[in-house]
Amino acid sequence: CIMRSPNALRERIGLARNPYVAMSGGAGSGPEPDN
């Protein structure tokens, strides 16, 4: 329920592969360093 969807699934449904951010769920602060 609370974890981000699998990355492969996110690509297929058109969602960005961003990390968790401070208030919405985690310690990430920007997009993942990949293409």
PDB file of all heavy atoms in Angstrom:
ATOM      1  N   CYS A   1       0.810  -1.220   0.000  1.00  0.00           N
ATOM      2  CA  CYS A   1       0.000   0.000   0.000  1.00  0.00           C
ATOM      3  C   CYS A   1       0.841   1.268   0.000  1.00  0.00           C
ATOM      4  O   CYS A   1       0.489   2.244  -0.678  1.00  0.00           O
ATOM      5  CB  CYS A   1      -0.918   0.004   1.225  1.00  0.00           C
ATOM      6  SG  CYS A   1      -2.107  -1.351   1.270  1.00  0.00           S
ATOM      7  N   ILE A   2       1.949   1.295   0.750  1.00  0.00           N
ATOM      8  CA  ILE A   2       2.644   2.560   0.961  1.00  0.00           C
ATOM      9  C   ILE A   2       3.953   2.684   0.201  1.00  0.00           C
ATOM     10  O   ILE A   2       4.467   3.793   0.043  1.00  0.00           O
ATOM     11  CB  ILE A   2       2.916   2.792   2.464  1.00  0.00           C
ATOM     12  CG1 ILE A   2       3.934   1.771   2.991  1.00  0.00           C
ATOM     13  CG2 ILE A   2       1.628   2.736   3.265  1.00  0.00           C
ATOM     14  CD1 ILE A   2       4.350   2.009   4.428  1.00  0.00           C
ATOM     15  N   MET A   3       4.509   1.578  -0.271  1.00  0.00           N
ATOM     16  CA  MET A   3       5.750   1.666  -1.026  1.00  0.00           C
ATOM     17  C   MET A   3       5.462   2.031  -2.477  1.00  0.00           C
ATOM     18  O   MET A   3       4.376   1.776  -3.000  1.00  0.00           O
ATOM     19  CB  MET A   3       6.519   0.349  -0.956  1.00  0.00           C
ATOM     20  CG  MET A   3       7.082   0.033   0.411  1.00  0.00           C
ATOM     21  SD  MET A   3       8.049  -1.504   0.432  1.00  0.00           S
ATOM     22  CE  MET A   3       9.508  -0.983  -0.479  1.00  0.00           C
ATOM     23  N   ARG A   4       6.432   2.634  -3.126  1.00  0.00           N
ATOM     24  CA  ARG A   4       6.289   2.952  -4.536  1.00  0.00           C
ATOM     25  C   ARG A   4       6.079   1.683  -5.347  1.00  0.00           C
ATOM     26  O   ARG A   4       6.550   0.613  -4.987  1.00  0.00           O
ATOM     27  CB  ARG A   4       7.538   3.684  -5.032  1.00  0.00           C
ATOM     28  CG  ARG A   4       7.704   5.075  -4.444  1.00  0.00           C
ATOM     29  CD  ARG A   4       6.737   6.056  -5.090  1.00  0.00           C
ATOM     30  NE  ARG A   4       6.818   7.366  -4.486  1.00  0.00           N
ATOM     31  CZ  ARG A   4       7.709   8.289  -4.820  1.00  0.00           C
ATOM     32  NH1 ARG A   4       8.628   8.012  -5.725  1.00  0.00           N
ATOM     33  NH2 ARG A   4       7.690   9.470  -4.245  1.00  0.00           N
ATOM     34  N   SER A   5       5.361   1.816  -6.440  1.00  0.00           N
ATOM     35  CA  SER A   5       5.120   0.672  -7.310  1.00  0.00           C
ATOM     36  C   SER A   5       6.435   0.168  -7.893  1.00  0.00           C
ATOM     37  O   SER A   5       7.412   0.921  -7.974  1.00  0.00           O
ATOM     38  CB  SER A   5       4.175   1.072  -8.448  1.00  0.00           C
ATOM     39  OG  SER A   5       2.973   1.610  -7.943  1.00  0.00           O
ATOM     40  N   PRO A   6       6.493  -1.095  -8.313  1.00  0.00           N
ATOM     41  CA  PRO A   6       7.708  -1.616  -8.946  1.00  0.00           C
ATOM     42  C   PRO A   6       8.112  -0.739 -10.130  1.00  0.00           C
ATOM     43  O   PRO A   6       7.271  -0.251 -10.878  1.00  0.00           O
ATOM     44  CB  PRO A   6       7.289  -3.015  -9.409  1.00  0.00           C
ATOM     45  CG  PRO A   6       6.168  -3.392  -8.498  1.00  0.00           C
ATOM     46  CD  PRO A   6       5.448  -2.127  -8.182  1.00  0.00           C
ATOM     47  N   ASN A   7       9.421  -0.542 -10.293  1.00  0.00           N
ATOM     48  CA  ASN A   7       9.906   0.348 -11.342  1.00  0.00           C
ATOM     49  C   ASN A   7       9.473  -0.097 -12.736  1.00  0.00           C
ATOM     50  O   ASN A   7       9.125   0.723 -13.581  1.00  0.00           O
ATOM     51  CB  ASN A   7      11.434   0.439 -11.275  1.00  0.00           C
ATOM     52  CG  ASN A   7      11.898   1.253 -10.088  1.00  0.00           C
ATOM     53  OD1 ASN A   7      11.167   2.107  -9.584  1.00  0.00           O
ATOM     54  ND2 ASN A   7      13.109   0.989  -9.624  1.00  0.00           N
ATOM     55  N   ALA A   8       9.482  -1.400 -12.974  1.00  0.00           N
ATOM     56  CA  ALA A   8       9.052  -1.890 -14.281  1.00  0.00           C
ATOM     57  C   ALA A   8       7.588  -1.553 -14.530  1.00  0.00           C
ATOM     58  O   ALA A   8       7.194  -1.205 -15.656  1.00  0.00           O
ATOM     59  CB  ALA A   8       9.274  -3.401 -14.364  1.00  0.00           C
ATOM     60  N   LEU A   9       6.778  -1.633 -13.492  1.00  0.00           N
ATOM     61  CA  LEU A   9       5.368  -1.306 -13.628  1.00  0.00           C
ATOM     62  C   LEU A   9       5.178   0.191 -13.837  1.00  0.00           C
ATOM     63  O   LEU A   9       4.343   0.618 -14.651  1.00  0.00           O
ATOM     64  CB  LEU A   9       4.607  -1.769 -12.383  1.00  0.00           C
ATOM     65  CG  LEU A   9       3.112  -1.454 -12.340  1.00  0.00           C
ATOM     66  CD1 LEU A   9       2.389  -2.206 -13.457  1.00  0.00           C
ATOM     67  CD2 LEU A   9       2.520  -1.817 -10.988  1.00  0.00           C
ATOM     68  N   ARG A  10       5.956   0.996 -13.115  1.00  0.00           N
ATOM     69  CA  ARG A  10       5.845   2.445 -13.260  1.00  0.00           C
ATOM     70  C   ARG A  10       6.167   2.877 -14.686  1.00  0.00           C
ATOM     71  O   ARG A  10       5.552   3.806 -15.226  1.00  0.00           O
ATOM     72  CB  ARG A  10       6.778   3.139 -12.260  1.00  0.00           C
ATOM     73  CG  ARG A  10       6.402   2.928 -10.806  1.00  0.00           C
ATOM     74  CD  ARG A  10       7.390   3.607  -9.874  1.00  0.00           C
ATOM     75  NE  ARG A  10       7.249   5.050  -9.936  1.00  0.00           N
ATOM     76  CZ  ARG A  10       6.356   5.754  -9.237  1.00  0.00           C
ATOM     77  NH1 ARG A  10       5.508   5.119  -8.449  1.00  0.00           N
ATOM     78  NH2 ARG A  10       6.297   7.050  -9.337  1.00  0.00           N
ATOM     79  N   GLU A  11       7.136   2.243 -15.305  1.00  0.00           N
ATOM     80  CA  GLU A  11       7.467   2.588 -16.686  1.00  0.00           C
ATOM     81  C   GLU A  11       6.314   2.260 -17.639  1.00  0.00           C
ATOM     82  O   GLU A  11       6.026   3.019 -18.564  1.00  0.00           O
ATOM     83  CB  GLU A  11       8.734   1.839 -17.111  1.00  0.00           C
ATOM     84  CG  GLU A  11       9.996   2.316 -16.398  1.00  0.00           C
ATOM     85  CD  GLU A  11      11.218   1.515 -16.814  1.00  0.00           C
ATOM     86  OE1 GLU A  11      11.033   0.528 -17.552  1.00  0.00           O
ATOM     87  OE2 GLU A  11      12.324   1.881 -16.408  1.00  0.00           O
ATOM     88  N   ARG A  12       5.647   1.153 -17.376  1.00  0.00           N
ATOM     89  CA  ARG A  12       4.575   0.722 -18.284  1.00  0.00           C
ATOM     90  C   ARG A  12       3.327   1.579 -18.149  1.00  0.00           C
ATOM     91  O   ARG A  12       2.566   1.725 -19.120  1.00  0.00           O
ATOM     92  CB  ARG A  12       4.238  -0.741 -18.024  1.00  0.00           C
ATOM     93  CG  ARG A  12       5.362  -1.714 -18.374  1.00  0.00           C
ATOM     94  CD  ARG A  12       4.924  -3.146 -18.214  1.00  0.00           C
ATOM     95  NE  ARG A  12       3.813  -3.465 -19.116  1.00  0.00           N
ATOM     96  CZ  ARG A  12       3.214  -4.646 -19.154  1.00  0.00           C
ATOM     97  NH1 ARG A  12       3.609  -5.618 -18.328  1.00  0.00           N
ATOM     98  NH2 ARG A  12       2.212  -4.873 -19.977  1.00  0.00           N
ATOM     99  N   ILE A  13       3.087   2.147 -16.964  1.00  0.00           N
ATOM    100  CA  ILE A  13       1.878   2.956 -16.782  1.00  0.00           C
ATOM    101  C   ILE A  13       2.168   4.445 -16.834  1.00  0.00           C
ATOM    102  O   ILE A  13       1.291   5.264 -16.592  1.00  0.00           O
ATOM    103  CB  ILE A  13       1.177   2.605 -15.443  1.00  0.00           C
ATOM    104  CG1 ILE A  13       2.087   2.903 -14.256  1.00  0.00           C
ATOM    105  CG2 ILE A  13       0.732   1.152 -15.431  1.00  0.00           C
ATOM    106  CD1 ILE A  13       1.457   2.576 -12.902  1.00  0.00           C
ATOM    107  N   GLY A  14       3.434   4.816 -17.148  1.00  0.00           N
ATOM    108  CA  GLY A  14       3.753   6.212 -17.390  1.00  0.00           C
ATOM    109  C   GLY A  14       3.974   7.057 -16.164  1.00  0.00           C
ATOM    110  O   GLY A  14       3.680   8.255 -16.164  1.00  0.00           O
ATOM    111  N   LEU A  15       4.487   6.462 -15.080  1.00  0.00           N
ATOM    112  CA  LEU A  15       4.791   7.216 -13.870  1.00  0.00           C
ATOM    113  C   LEU A  15       6.287   7.436 -13.757  1.00  0.00           C
ATOM    114  O   LEU A  15       7.081   6.580 -14.135  1.00  0.00           O
ATOM    115  CB  LEU A  15       4.288   6.477 -12.627  1.00  0.00           C
ATOM    116  CG  LEU A  15       2.770   6.338 -12.497  1.00  0.00           C
ATOM    117  CD1 LEU A  15       2.423   5.567 -11.227  1.00  0.00           C
ATOM    118  CD2 LEU A  15       2.100   7.705 -12.462  1.00  0.00           C
ATOM    119  N   ALA A  16       6.667   8.586 -13.213  1.00  0.00           N
ATOM    120  CA  ALA A  16       8.081   8.901 -13.067  1.00  0.00           C
ATOM    121  C   ALA A  16       8.711   8.031 -11.993  1.00  0.00           C
ATOM    122  O   ALA A  16       8.092   7.712 -10.984  1.00  0.00           O
ATOM    123  CB  ALA A  16       8.257  10.376 -12.707  1.00  0.00           C
ATOM    124  N   ARG A  17       9.951   7.657 -12.205  1.00  0.00           N
ATOM    125  CA  ARG A  17      10.692   6.858 -11.228  1.00  0.00           C
ATOM    126  C   ARG A  17      11.444   7.776 -10.289  1.00  0.00           C
ATOM    127  O   ARG A  17      12.654   7.827 -10.257  1.00  0.00           O
ATOM    128  CB  ARG A  17      11.644   5.915 -11.945  1.00  0.00           C
ATOM    129  CG  ARG A  17      10.962   4.823 -12.740  1.00  0.00           C
ATOM    130  CD  ARG A  17      11.936   3.980 -13.509  1.00  0.00           C
ATOM    131  NE  ARG A  17      12.990   3.463 -12.634  1.00  0.00           N
ATOM    132  CZ  ARG A  17      14.020   2.755 -13.067  1.00  0.00           C
ATOM    133  NH1 ARG A  17      14.137   2.494 -14.357  1.00  0.00           N
ATOM    134  NH2 ARG A  17      14.935   2.330 -12.229  1.00  0.00           N
ATOM    135  N   ASN A  18      10.714   8.547  -9.514  1.00  0.00           N
ATOM    136  CA  ASN A  18      11.321   9.456  -8.545  1.00  0.00           C
ATOM    137  C   ASN A  18      11.475   8.755  -7.204  1.00  0.00           C
ATOM    138  O   ASN A  18      10.640   7.923  -6.844  1.00  0.00           O
ATOM    139  CB  ASN A  18      10.456  10.700  -8.362  1.00  0.00           C
ATOM    140  CG  ASN A  18      10.392  11.544  -9.626  1.00  0.00           C
ATOM    141  OD1 ASN A  18      11.357  11.583 -10.385  1.00  0.00           O
ATOM    142  ND2 ASN A  18       9.263  12.187  -9.850  1.00  0.00           N
ATOM    143  N   PRO A  19      12.490   9.113  -6.432  1.00  0.00           N
ATOM    144  CA  PRO A  19      12.628   8.533  -5.088  1.00  0.00           C
ATOM    145  C   PRO A  19      11.622   9.159  -4.139  1.00  0.00           C
ATOM    146  O   PRO A  19      10.939  10.121  -4.467  1.00  0.00           O
ATOM    147  CB  PRO A  19      14.070   8.897  -4.705  1.00  0.00           C
ATOM    148  CG  PRO A  19      14.340  10.155  -5.451  1.00  0.00           C
ATOM    149  CD  PRO A  19      13.603  10.018  -6.762  1.00  0.00           C
ATOM    150  N   TYR A  20      11.522   8.604  -2.940  1.00  0.00           N
ATOM    151  CA  TYR A  20      10.652   9.176  -1.925  1.00  0.00           C
ATOM    152  C   TYR A  20      11.168  10.552  -1.539  1.00  0.00           C
ATOM    153  O   TYR A  20      12.371  10.803  -1.538  1.00  0.00           O
ATOM    154  CB  TYR A  20      10.611   8.278  -0.683  1.00  0.00           C
ATOM    155  CG  TYR A  20      10.099   6.902  -0.957  1.00  0.00           C
ATOM    156  CD1 TYR A  20      10.980   5.849  -1.201  1.00  0.00           C
ATOM    157  CD2 TYR A  20       8.740   6.629  -0.977  1.00  0.00           C
ATOM    158  CE1 TYR A  20      10.516   4.566  -1.459  1.00  0.00           C
ATOM    159  CE2 TYR A  20       8.262   5.353  -1.233  1.00  0.00           C
ATOM    160  CZ  TYR A  20       9.156   4.332  -1.467  1.00  0.00           C
ATOM    161  OH  TYR A  20       8.703   3.068  -1.722  1.00  0.00           O
ATOM    162  N   VAL A  21      10.244  11.444  -1.176  1.00  0.00           N
ATOM    163  CA  VAL A  21      10.638  12.777  -0.736  1.00  0.00           C
ATOM    164  C   VAL A  21      10.222  12.960   0.704  1.00  0.00           C
ATOM    165  O   VAL A  21       9.443  12.187   1.254  1.00  0.00           O
ATOM    166  CB  VAL A  21      10.011  13.867  -1.623  1.00  0.00           C
ATOM    167  CG1 VAL A  21      10.592  13.803  -3.029  1.00  0.00           C
ATOM    168  CG2 VAL A  21       8.508  13.728  -1.672  1.00  0.00           C
ATOM    169  N   ALA A  22      10.719  14.032   1.333  1.00  0.00           N
ATOM    170  CA  ALA A  22      10.654  14.176   2.782  1.00  0.00           C
ATOM    171  C   ALA A  22       9.257  14.024   3.359  1.00  0.00           C
ATOM    172  O   ALA A  22       9.019  13.182   4.199  1.00  0.00           O
ATOM    173  CB  ALA A  22      11.237  15.533   3.180  1.00  0.00           C
ATOM    174  N   MET A  23       8.281  14.816   2.913  1.00  0.00           N
ATOM    175  CA  MET A  23       6.964  14.782   3.534  1.00  0.00           C
ATOM    176  C   MET A  23       6.061  13.709   2.937  1.00  0.00           C
ATOM    177  O   MET A  23       5.145  13.253   3.584  1.00  0.00           O
ATOM    178  CB  MET A  23       6.286  16.156   3.402  1.00  0.00           C
ATOM    179  CG  MET A  23       6.974  17.227   4.226  1.00  0.00           C
ATOM    180  SD  MET A  23       7.192  16.769   5.963  1.00  0.00           S
ATOM    181  CE  MET A  23       5.498  16.651   6.485  1.00  0.00           C
ATOM    182  N   SER A  24       6.316  13.320   1.688  1.00  0.00           N
ATOM    183  CA  SER A  24       5.450  12.330   1.071  1.00  0.00           C
ATOM    184  C   SER A  24       5.989  10.925   1.205  1.00  0.00           C
ATOM    185  O   SER A  24       5.428   9.995   0.672  1.00  0.00           O
ATOM    186  CB  SER A  24       5.248  12.649  -0.415  1.00  0.00           C
ATOM    187  OG  SER A  24       6.475  12.611  -1.102  1.00  0.00           O
ATOM    188  N   GLY A  25       7.128  10.774   1.920  1.00  0.00           N
ATOM    189  CA  GLY A  25       7.485   9.403   2.187  1.00  0.00           C
ATOM    190  C   GLY A  25       8.915   9.057   2.420  1.00  0.00           C
ATOM    191  O   GLY A  25       9.197   7.929   2.763  1.00  0.00           O
ATOM    192  N   GLY A  26       9.917   9.900   2.287  1.00  0.00           N
ATOM    193  CA  GLY A  26      11.257   9.381   2.498  1.00  0.00           C
ATOM    194  C   GLY A  26      12.342  10.416   2.486  1.00  0.00           C
ATOM    195  O   GLY A  26      12.118  11.601   2.630  1.00  0.00           O
ATOM    196  N   ALA A  27      13.574   9.939   2.269  1.00  0.00           N
ATOM    197  CA  ALA A  27      14.734  10.787   2.405  1.00  0.00           C
ATOM    198  C   ALA A  27      15.229  11.328   1.076  1.00  0.00           C
ATOM    199  O   ALA A  27      16.152  12.121   1.046  1.00  0.00           O
ATOM    200  CB  ALA A  27      15.858  10.005   3.078  1.00  0.00           C
ATOM    201  N   GLY A  28      14.641  10.896  -0.042  1.00  0.00           N
ATOM    202  CA  GLY A  28      15.102  11.360  -1.339  1.00  0.00           C
ATOM    203  C   GLY A  28      14.771  12.818  -1.568  1.00  0.00           C
ATOM    204  O   GLY A  28      13.853  13.380  -0.988  1.00  0.00           O
ATOM    205  N   SER A  29      15.501  13.478  -2.450  1.00  0.00           N
ATOM    206  CA  SER A  29      15.256  14.889  -2.706  1.00  0.00           C
ATOM    207  C   SER A  29      15.250  15.222  -4.187  1.00  0.00           C
ATOM    208  O   SER A  29      15.105  16.368  -4.561  1.00  0.00           O
ATOM    209  CB  SER A  29      16.334  15.744  -2.019  1.00  0.00           C
ATOM    210  OG  SER A  29      17.621  15.367  -2.481  1.00  0.00           O
ATOM    211  N   GLY A  30      15.409  14.239  -5.062  1.00  0.00           N
ATOM    212  CA  GLY A  30      15.439  14.525  -6.478  1.00  0.00           C
ATOM    213  C   GLY A  30      15.269  13.271  -7.282  1.00  0.00           C
ATOM    214  O   GLY A  30      15.090  12.188  -6.742  1.00  0.00           O
ATOM    215  N   PRO A  31      15.294  13.376  -8.613  1.00  0.00           N
ATOM    216  CA  PRO A  31      15.097  12.197  -9.458  1.00  0.00           C
ATOM    217  C   PRO A  31      16.256  11.245  -9.381  1.00  0.00           C
ATOM    218  O   PRO A  31      17.361  11.609  -9.009  1.00  0.00           O
ATOM    219  CB  PRO A  31      14.954  12.805 -10.861  1.00  0.00           C
ATOM    220  CG  PRO A  31      15.693  14.096 -10.780  1.00  0.00           C
ATOM    221  CD  PRO A  31      15.472  14.599  -9.389  1.00  0.00           C
ATOM    222  N   GLU A  32      15.989  10.006  -9.733  1.00  0.00           N
ATOM    223  CA  GLU A  32      17.036   8.999  -9.700  1.00  0.00           C
ATOM    224  C   GLU A  32      18.076   9.279 -10.776  1.00  0.00           C
ATOM    225  O   GLU A  32      17.747   9.736 -11.870  1.00  0.00           O
ATOM    226  CB  GLU A  32      16.421   7.614  -9.945  1.00  0.00           C
ATOM    227  CG  GLU A  32      15.544   7.150  -8.802  1.00  0.00           C
ATOM    228  CD  GLU A  32      14.972   5.790  -9.080  1.00  0.00           C
ATOM    229  OE1 GLU A  32      15.043   5.342 -10.244  1.00  0.00           O
ATOM    230  OE2 GLU A  32      14.453   5.167  -8.155  1.00  0.00           O
ATOM    231  N   PRO A  33      19.332   9.015 -10.478  1.00  0.00           N
ATOM    232  CA  PRO A  33      20.396   9.294 -11.439  1.00  0.00           C
ATOM    233  C   PRO A  33      20.490   8.229 -12.512  1.00  0.00           C
ATOM    234  O   PRO A  33      21.434   7.449 -12.554  1.00  0.00           O
ATOM    235  CB  PRO A  33      21.644   9.303 -10.551  1.00  0.00           C
ATOM    236  CG  PRO A  33      21.324   8.357  -9.455  1.00  0.00           C
ATOM    237  CD  PRO A  33      19.859   8.515  -9.208  1.00  0.00           C
ATOM    238  N   ASP A  34      19.479   8.116 -13.364  1.00  0.00           N
ATOM    239  CA  ASP A  34      19.555   7.185 -14.469  1.00  0.00           C
ATOM    240  C   ASP A  34      18.788   7.771 -15.649  1.00  0.00           C
ATOM    241  O   ASP A  34      18.215   8.840 -15.569  1.00  0.00           O
ATOM    242  CB  ASP A  34      19.017   5.796 -14.097  1.00  0.00           C
ATOM    243  CG  ASP A  34      17.602   5.852 -13.577  1.00  0.00           C
ATOM    244  OD1 ASP A  34      16.818   6.688 -14.085  1.00  0.00           O
ATOM    245  OD2 ASP A  34      17.269   5.068 -12.677  1.00  0.00           O
ATOM    246  N   ASN A  35      18.758   7.051 -16.733  1.00  0.00           N
ATOM    247  CA  ASN A  35      18.128   7.543 -17.945  1.00  0.00           C
ATOM    248  C   ASN A  35      16.747   6.937 -18.169  1.00  0.00           C
ATOM    249  O   ASN A  35      16.223   7.004 -19.268  1.00  0.00           O
ATOM    250  CB  ASN A  35      19.021   7.223 -19.154  1.00  0.00           C
ATOM    251  CG  ASN A  35      20.376   7.906 -19.054  1.00  0.00           C
ATOM    252  OD1 ASN A  35      20.451   9.040 -18.598  1.00  0.00           O
ATOM    253  ND2 ASN A  35      21.424   7.209 -19.475  1.00  0.00           N
TER     254      ASN A  35
END
